[in-house]
N, C-alpha and C. Protein backbone atom coordinates (compact mmCIF):
# COMPACT_ATOMS: atom_id res chain seq x y z
N MET A 1 -8.01 20.98 5.81
CA MET A 1 -8.35 20.15 6.93
C MET A 1 -9.06 18.89 6.49
N ALA A 2 -9.82 18.95 5.43
CA ALA A 2 -10.54 17.78 4.94
C ALA A 2 -9.58 16.68 4.49
N MET A 3 -8.40 17.05 3.95
CA MET A 3 -7.45 16.07 3.50
C MET A 3 -6.90 15.31 4.70
N ALA A 4 -6.63 16.00 5.79
CA ALA A 4 -6.15 15.33 6.99
C ALA A 4 -7.21 14.39 7.58
N ASP A 5 -8.46 14.82 7.56
CA ASP A 5 -9.55 13.96 8.00
C ASP A 5 -9.70 12.70 7.15
N GLN A 6 -9.54 12.89 5.85
CA GLN A 6 -9.63 11.76 4.93
C GLN A 6 -8.50 10.78 5.17
N GLY A 7 -7.30 11.28 5.39
CA GLY A 7 -6.16 10.43 5.67
C GLY A 7 -6.33 9.68 7.00
N SER A 8 -6.84 10.41 7.97
CA SER A 8 -7.10 9.81 9.29
C SER A 8 -8.16 8.72 9.18
N ALA A 9 -9.21 9.00 8.43
CA ALA A 9 -10.29 7.99 8.23
C ALA A 9 -9.76 6.77 7.49
N HIS A 10 -8.86 7.02 6.56
CA HIS A 10 -8.25 5.93 5.80
C HIS A 10 -7.43 5.05 6.72
N ARG A 11 -6.63 5.68 7.57
CA ARG A 11 -5.80 4.93 8.51
C ARG A 11 -6.67 4.17 9.50
N VAL A 12 -7.70 4.77 9.99
CA VAL A 12 -8.64 4.07 10.92
C VAL A 12 -9.24 2.86 10.25
N ALA A 13 -9.64 3.02 8.98
CA ALA A 13 -10.21 1.86 8.26
C ALA A 13 -9.21 0.74 8.10
N ILE A 14 -7.98 1.08 7.81
CA ILE A 14 -6.92 0.08 7.70
C ILE A 14 -6.72 -0.60 9.06
N ALA A 15 -6.62 0.18 10.11
CA ALA A 15 -6.42 -0.37 11.46
C ALA A 15 -7.56 -1.30 11.84
N ASP A 16 -8.80 -0.90 11.53
CA ASP A 16 -9.94 -1.75 11.84
C ASP A 16 -9.90 -3.08 11.09
N ALA A 17 -9.55 -3.00 9.80
CA ALA A 17 -9.48 -4.22 9.01
C ALA A 17 -8.38 -5.13 9.52
N LEU A 18 -7.27 -4.58 9.88
CA LEU A 18 -6.16 -5.37 10.42
C LEU A 18 -6.56 -6.00 11.76
N ALA A 19 -7.20 -5.25 12.59
CA ALA A 19 -7.66 -5.76 13.91
C ALA A 19 -8.63 -6.92 13.72
N ARG A 20 -9.58 -6.77 12.80
CA ARG A 20 -10.55 -7.86 12.56
C ARG A 20 -9.84 -9.11 12.03
N GLU A 21 -8.89 -8.93 11.14
CA GLU A 21 -8.21 -10.09 10.57
C GLU A 21 -7.31 -10.74 11.59
N LEU A 22 -6.62 -9.96 12.39
CA LEU A 22 -5.77 -10.53 13.43
C LEU A 22 -6.61 -11.30 14.48
N GLN A 23 -7.78 -10.74 14.81
CA GLN A 23 -8.68 -11.42 15.70
C GLN A 23 -9.22 -12.71 15.14
N ARG A 24 -9.53 -12.67 13.83
CA ARG A 24 -10.01 -13.88 13.17
C ARG A 24 -8.96 -14.98 13.21
N GLN A 25 -7.71 -14.57 13.09
CA GLN A 25 -6.59 -15.56 13.11
C GLN A 25 -6.14 -15.90 14.49
N GLY A 26 -6.74 -15.26 15.51
CA GLY A 26 -6.39 -15.55 16.88
C GLY A 26 -5.07 -14.98 17.34
N ILE A 27 -4.66 -13.90 16.69
CA ILE A 27 -3.39 -13.20 17.01
C ILE A 27 -3.73 -11.99 17.87
N GLY A 28 -3.32 -12.01 19.10
CA GLY A 28 -3.59 -10.87 19.98
C GLY A 28 -2.36 -10.08 20.31
N GLY A 29 -2.59 -8.86 20.79
CA GLY A 29 -1.47 -8.04 21.24
C GLY A 29 -0.73 -7.27 20.17
N ALA A 30 -1.19 -7.35 18.92
CA ALA A 30 -0.50 -6.62 17.84
C ALA A 30 -0.87 -5.14 17.91
N ASP A 31 0.08 -4.31 17.59
CA ASP A 31 -0.14 -2.87 17.53
C ASP A 31 -0.75 -2.52 16.17
N THR A 32 -2.09 -2.52 16.10
CA THR A 32 -2.75 -2.31 14.84
C THR A 32 -2.53 -0.87 14.29
N GLU A 33 -2.30 0.06 15.17
CA GLU A 33 -2.05 1.44 14.71
C GLU A 33 -0.71 1.49 13.99
N ALA A 34 0.31 0.82 14.51
CA ALA A 34 1.61 0.79 13.87
C ALA A 34 1.54 0.01 12.55
N LEU A 35 0.79 -1.08 12.58
CA LEU A 35 0.61 -1.86 11.33
C LEU A 35 -0.13 -1.02 10.27
N ALA A 36 -1.14 -0.31 10.71
CA ALA A 36 -1.90 0.55 9.76
C ALA A 36 -0.99 1.60 9.18
N GLY A 37 -0.14 2.19 9.99
CA GLY A 37 0.82 3.19 9.49
C GLY A 37 1.77 2.59 8.49
N ALA A 38 2.23 1.34 8.75
CA ALA A 38 3.12 0.68 7.77
C ALA A 38 2.42 0.41 6.48
N VAL A 39 1.20 -0.06 6.55
CA VAL A 39 0.40 -0.33 5.32
C VAL A 39 0.18 0.97 4.55
N GLU A 40 -0.20 2.02 5.27
CA GLU A 40 -0.47 3.30 4.59
C GLU A 40 0.78 3.80 3.94
N ASN A 41 1.94 3.69 4.60
CA ASN A 41 3.22 4.15 4.02
C ASN A 41 3.53 3.33 2.77
N ALA A 42 3.29 2.00 2.80
CA ALA A 42 3.57 1.19 1.64
C ALA A 42 2.68 1.53 0.49
N LEU A 43 1.43 1.86 0.77
CA LEU A 43 0.48 2.22 -0.29
C LEU A 43 0.79 3.60 -0.90
N ASN A 44 1.44 4.47 -0.13
CA ASN A 44 1.74 5.81 -0.60
C ASN A 44 3.10 5.93 -1.27
N GLN A 45 3.83 4.87 -1.38
CA GLN A 45 5.15 4.90 -2.05
C GLN A 45 4.93 5.10 -3.58
N PRO A 46 5.86 5.81 -4.19
CA PRO A 46 5.76 5.95 -5.64
C PRO A 46 6.01 4.60 -6.30
N PRO A 47 5.41 4.41 -7.44
CA PRO A 47 5.61 3.11 -8.12
C PRO A 47 7.08 2.95 -8.55
N PRO A 48 7.53 1.72 -8.65
CA PRO A 48 8.93 1.51 -9.06
C PRO A 48 9.13 2.04 -10.49
N ALA A 49 10.37 2.42 -10.76
CA ALA A 49 10.71 2.91 -12.10
C ALA A 49 10.48 1.82 -13.09
N GLU A 50 9.95 2.18 -14.21
CA GLU A 50 9.68 1.19 -15.23
C GLU A 50 10.99 0.70 -15.87
N GLU A 51 11.04 -0.57 -16.11
CA GLU A 51 12.21 -1.11 -16.76
C GLU A 51 11.83 -1.64 -18.12
N GLY A 52 12.75 -1.74 -19.01
CA GLY A 52 12.47 -2.32 -20.31
C GLY A 52 11.76 -1.35 -21.22
N LYS A 53 11.27 -1.89 -22.30
CA LYS A 53 10.59 -1.07 -23.29
C LYS A 53 9.19 -1.63 -23.52
N ARG A 54 8.31 -0.77 -23.91
CA ARG A 54 6.99 -1.19 -24.30
C ARG A 54 7.04 -1.71 -25.74
N PRO A 55 6.15 -2.59 -26.10
CA PRO A 55 6.20 -3.16 -27.45
C PRO A 55 6.22 -2.11 -28.54
N GLU A 56 5.51 -1.04 -28.36
CA GLU A 56 5.47 0.00 -29.38
C GLU A 56 6.80 0.78 -29.50
N ASP A 57 7.66 0.67 -28.49
CA ASP A 57 8.97 1.32 -28.52
C ASP A 57 10.06 0.44 -29.13
N LEU A 58 9.73 -0.80 -29.40
CA LEU A 58 10.76 -1.70 -29.98
C LEU A 58 10.85 -1.55 -31.51
N ASN A 59 12.05 -1.77 -31.99
CA ASN A 59 12.26 -1.83 -33.43
C ASN A 59 13.30 -2.90 -33.68
N SER A 60 13.71 -3.10 -34.89
CA SER A 60 14.62 -4.21 -35.21
C SER A 60 16.02 -4.04 -34.57
N THR A 61 16.35 -2.83 -34.15
CA THR A 61 17.69 -2.67 -33.56
C THR A 61 17.73 -2.75 -32.04
N ASN A 62 16.51 -2.72 -31.41
CA ASN A 62 16.54 -2.77 -29.91
C ASN A 62 15.55 -3.83 -29.36
N ASP A 63 15.26 -4.85 -30.11
CA ASP A 63 14.26 -5.78 -29.62
C ASP A 63 14.89 -7.03 -28.93
N ASP A 64 16.12 -6.92 -28.50
CA ASP A 64 16.72 -8.07 -27.86
C ASP A 64 16.53 -8.07 -26.40
């Protein structure tokens, strides 16, 4: 249950920050809960697959 509470608190914090920023910019009527959900989903996405090679993986045959 603590994990759900932590996620909920995180979402509320995001929604509050978005609401403050939208108010600062004079933008009204935005659905901050939906925006918070979108931000949370974006932050929870797995990182993109790494492309290329690290310098330590290069040698004279694959450094192009």
